[in-house]
Amino acid sequence: MRASSPLPDWRLRTELPLAVLCGVFVGLAAFWWFAPFHLSGAVTTDDVFDYCAGLTALVQDRPELWPRNRAMLPAILPAALVPELGTLDALLAGAVVGTGACGAGLYLWGSALSGRTAGAAASLAMLTMGPMVIQSRMPSFYASINGAMMLAAGLTAAAVRTGRPLHHAAAGVAIGVALLCDAR
């Protein structure tokens, strides 16, 4: 017999739009408002050449250029944006979306464990951590990788809370995507 939860019933179809809303807010706030608190100049990574080469490999359909130690999945969105934005801006757009996915995943995690207020607090708390905020301005795939991991964590928490087969399936898919986002 299942014990009743002191928390109200949790439904993915009502929590998902709120997670997207939190994710959009967190991604944009990290990029435009909070990043200057942590940065005084330009930011890049030592392996920015790998990311640029990866986008070039996808855009020009030249698989031999793909860096061996990078997963391809986090590059799909930036590669689609390269013709419109250029390589570095496409990487930055991917970083903002990835940071938003982190915020959405944290909302799902918090709301599944303790309700909507906790979800919003978890999502907004991300904006207090320098590395998480700075990733929105890094031309890399790390924000997308982190976003996939956080979405997997949020959906896993939801599956554990509700026990619904659909939520377990969604968590399994999210975990699979997260594993495909980082080759290491």
Protein backbone atom coordinates (compact mmCIF):
# COMPACT_ATOMS: atom_id res chain seq x y z
CA MET A 1 0.00 0.00 0.00
CA ARG A 2 1.34 3.42 -0.95
CA ALA A 3 1.60 6.05 1.72
CA SER A 4 -0.02 9.32 0.82
CA SER A 5 2.31 12.22 0.21
CA PRO A 6 1.91 15.49 2.11
CA LEU A 7 2.66 17.21 -1.19
CA PRO A 8 -0.05 17.82 -3.79
CA ASP A 9 -0.20 15.55 -6.82
CA TRP A 10 2.67 16.26 -9.21
CA ARG A 11 1.86 16.30 -12.94
CA LEU A 12 4.51 16.63 -15.62
CA ARG A 13 2.11 18.28 -18.06
CA THR A 14 1.54 21.18 -15.66
CA GLU A 15 5.10 21.39 -14.32
CA LEU A 16 6.82 21.27 -17.72
CA PRO A 17 5.57 24.70 -18.91
CA LEU A 18 6.68 26.20 -15.59
CA ALA A 19 10.07 24.54 -16.02
CA VAL A 20 10.39 26.04 -19.50
CA LEU A 21 9.44 29.45 -18.14
CA CYS A 22 12.06 29.17 -15.37
CA GLY A 23 14.61 27.93 -17.90
CA VAL A 24 14.03 30.84 -20.27
CA PHE A 25 14.31 33.31 -17.40
CA VAL A 26 17.47 31.70 -15.98
CA GLY A 27 19.20 31.41 -19.37
CA LEU A 28 18.54 35.02 -20.33
CA ALA A 29 19.19 36.42 -16.84
CA ALA A 30 22.50 34.57 -16.61
CA PHE A 31 23.64 35.86 -19.99
CA TRP A 32 22.49 39.49 -19.80
CA TRP A 33 22.22 40.43 -16.17
CA PHE A 34 24.24 38.14 -13.87
CA ALA A 35 27.31 37.39 -15.99
CA PRO A 36 28.82 40.89 -15.52
CA PHE A 37 28.93 40.24 -11.75
CA HIS A 38 31.35 37.37 -12.38
CA LEU A 39 33.17 38.51 -15.52
CA SER A 40 35.29 41.52 -16.18
CA GLY A 41 36.23 40.62 -19.74
CA ALA A 42 35.83 38.10 -22.50
CA VAL A 43 35.56 34.42 -21.70
CA THR A 44 36.67 31.45 -23.71
CA THR A 45 37.97 27.94 -23.16
CA ASP A 46 41.35 26.51 -24.06
CA ASP A 47 39.68 24.06 -26.40
CA VAL A 48 37.54 26.57 -28.30
CA PHE A 49 39.23 25.29 -31.46
CA ASP A 50 37.60 21.89 -30.85
CA TYR A 51 34.16 23.47 -30.69
CA CYS A 52 34.71 25.55 -33.81
CA ALA A 53 36.09 22.52 -35.66
CA GLY A 54 33.08 20.49 -34.56
CA LEU A 55 30.65 23.06 -35.89
CA THR A 56 32.59 23.29 -39.13
CA ALA A 57 32.48 19.50 -39.45
CA LEU A 58 28.69 19.51 -39.09
CA VAL A 59 27.97 22.57 -41.22
CA GLN A 60 30.27 21.56 -44.08
CA ASP A 61 29.51 17.81 -43.75
CA ARG A 62 33.18 16.97 -43.18
CA PRO A 63 33.24 14.27 -40.49
CA GLU A 64 37.03 14.05 -40.60
CA LEU A 65 37.17 17.46 -38.88
CA TRP A 66 35.14 16.32 -35.88
CA PRO A 67 37.27 16.38 -32.68
CA ARG A 68 37.65 12.85 -31.33
CA ASN A 69 37.06 13.71 -27.68
CA ARG A 70 33.75 15.58 -28.18
CA ALA A 71 30.21 14.25 -28.38
CA MET A 72 28.16 15.39 -31.34
CA LEU A 73 24.74 15.85 -29.74
CA PRO A 74 25.49 19.17 -27.93
CA ALA A 75 26.67 20.64 -31.26
CA ILE A 76 23.43 20.13 -33.17
CA LEU A 77 21.69 23.37 -32.10
CA PRO A 78 24.77 25.61 -32.56
CA ALA A 79 25.47 23.99 -35.93
CA ALA A 80 21.95 24.81 -37.07
CA LEU A 81 22.50 28.44 -36.05
CA VAL A 82 25.92 28.89 -37.70
CA PRO A 83 24.55 30.08 -41.10
CA GLU A 84 22.51 32.80 -39.37
CA LEU A 85 24.80 33.83 -36.51
CA GLY A 86 28.33 32.71 -37.32
CA THR A 87 30.37 30.20 -35.37
CA LEU A 88 31.08 32.03 -32.09
CA ASP A 89 27.62 33.55 -31.75
CA ALA A 90 26.06 30.17 -32.51
CA LEU A 91 28.17 28.64 -29.72
CA LEU A 92 27.01 31.42 -27.38
CA ALA A 93 23.37 30.88 -28.35
CA GLY A 94 23.81 27.18 -27.60
CA ALA A 95 25.34 28.11 -24.24
CA VAL A 96 22.35 30.31 -23.36
CA VAL A 97 19.92 27.53 -24.29
CA GLY A 98 21.99 25.02 -22.31
CA THR A 99 22.00 27.32 -19.29
CA GLY A 100 18.22 27.60 -19.65
CA ALA A 101 17.99 23.81 -19.71
CA CYS A 102 19.93 23.79 -16.43
CA GLY A 103 17.38 26.14 -14.92
CA ALA A 104 14.49 24.03 -16.22
CA GLY A 105 16.04 20.84 -14.90
CA LEU A 106 16.60 22.40 -11.49
CA TYR A 107 12.98 23.56 -11.43
CA LEU A 108 11.75 20.03 -12.20
CA TRP A 109 14.06 18.58 -9.57
CA GLY A 110 13.00 21.01 -6.86
CA SER A 111 9.30 20.89 -7.68
CA ALA A 112 9.30 17.08 -7.73
CA LEU A 113 11.02 16.90 -4.36
CA SER A 114 9.25 19.68 -2.50
CA GLY A 115 6.79 21.69 -4.61
CA ARG A 116 6.75 24.63 -6.98
CA THR A 117 8.32 27.13 -4.60
CA ALA A 118 11.28 24.82 -4.08
CA GLY A 119 11.54 24.33 -7.84
CA ALA A 120 11.63 28.06 -8.48
CA ALA A 121 14.12 28.54 -5.62
CA ALA A 122 16.41 25.81 -6.98
CA SER A 123 16.26 27.30 -10.46
CA LEU A 124 16.97 30.83 -9.24
CA ALA A 125 19.70 29.68 -6.84
CA MET A 126 21.69 28.66 -9.89
CA LEU A 127 22.13 32.36 -10.64
CA THR A 128 24.18 32.76 -7.46
CA MET A 129 26.90 30.35 -8.59
CA GLY A 130 29.58 31.95 -10.74
CA PRO A 131 30.51 28.91 -12.86
CA MET A 132 26.89 28.20 -13.72
CA VAL A 133 26.28 31.81 -14.71
CA ILE A 134 29.53 32.13 -16.66
CA GLN A 135 28.73 29.04 -18.74
CA SER A 136 26.05 31.14 -20.49
CA ARG A 137 28.86 33.22 -22.01
CA MET A 138 31.31 30.42 -22.79
CA PRO A 139 31.62 29.41 -26.43
CA SER A 140 31.58 25.70 -25.65
CA PHE A 141 29.30 22.68 -25.37
CA TYR A 142 29.51 22.51 -21.56
CA ALA A 143 26.26 24.38 -20.91
CA SER A 144 24.37 21.95 -23.15
CA ILE A 145 25.99 18.98 -21.43
CA ASN A 146 25.10 20.41 -18.00
CA GLY A 147 21.57 21.17 -19.19
CA ALA A 148 21.05 17.58 -20.30
CA MET A 149 22.35 16.30 -16.95
CA MET A 150 20.05 18.62 -14.99
CA LEU A 151 17.00 17.71 -17.06
CA ALA A 152 17.80 14.04 -16.47
CA ALA A 153 18.07 14.70 -12.73
CA GLY A 154 14.79 16.61 -12.67
CA LEU A 155 12.88 13.98 -14.60
CA THR A 156 14.40 11.21 -12.48
CA ALA A 157 13.23 12.96 -9.31
CA ALA A 158 9.76 13.25 -10.86
CA ALA A 159 9.74 9.54 -11.73
CA VAL A 160 10.76 8.59 -8.20
CA ARG A 161 8.09 10.84 -6.69
CA THR A 162 5.18 9.78 -8.85
CA GLY A 163 6.08 6.22 -9.78
CA ARG A 164 4.24 6.68 -13.09
CA PRO A 165 5.54 4.58 -15.98
CA LEU A 166 5.45 7.56 -18.34
CA HIS A 167 7.67 9.55 -15.97
CA HIS A 168 10.08 6.61 -15.72
CA ALA A 169 10.21 6.46 -19.50
CA ALA A 170 10.83 10.21 -19.75
CA ALA A 171 13.59 9.95 -17.14
CA GLY A 172 15.15 7.04 -19.02
CA VAL A 173 15.15 8.99 -22.29
CA ALA A 174 16.62 12.04 -20.55
CA ILE A 175 19.35 9.91 -18.96
CA GLY A 176 20.13 8.41 -22.37
CA VAL A 177 20.37 11.86 -23.94
CA ALA A 178 22.62 13.02 -21.10
CA LEU A 179 24.93 10.07 -21.72
CA LEU A 180 25.05 10.94 -25.42
CA CYS A 181 26.01 14.55 -24.63
CA ASP A 182 29.45 13.77 -23.28
CA ALA A 183 31.78 11.26 -24.84
CA ARG A 184 33.89 10.99 -21.70
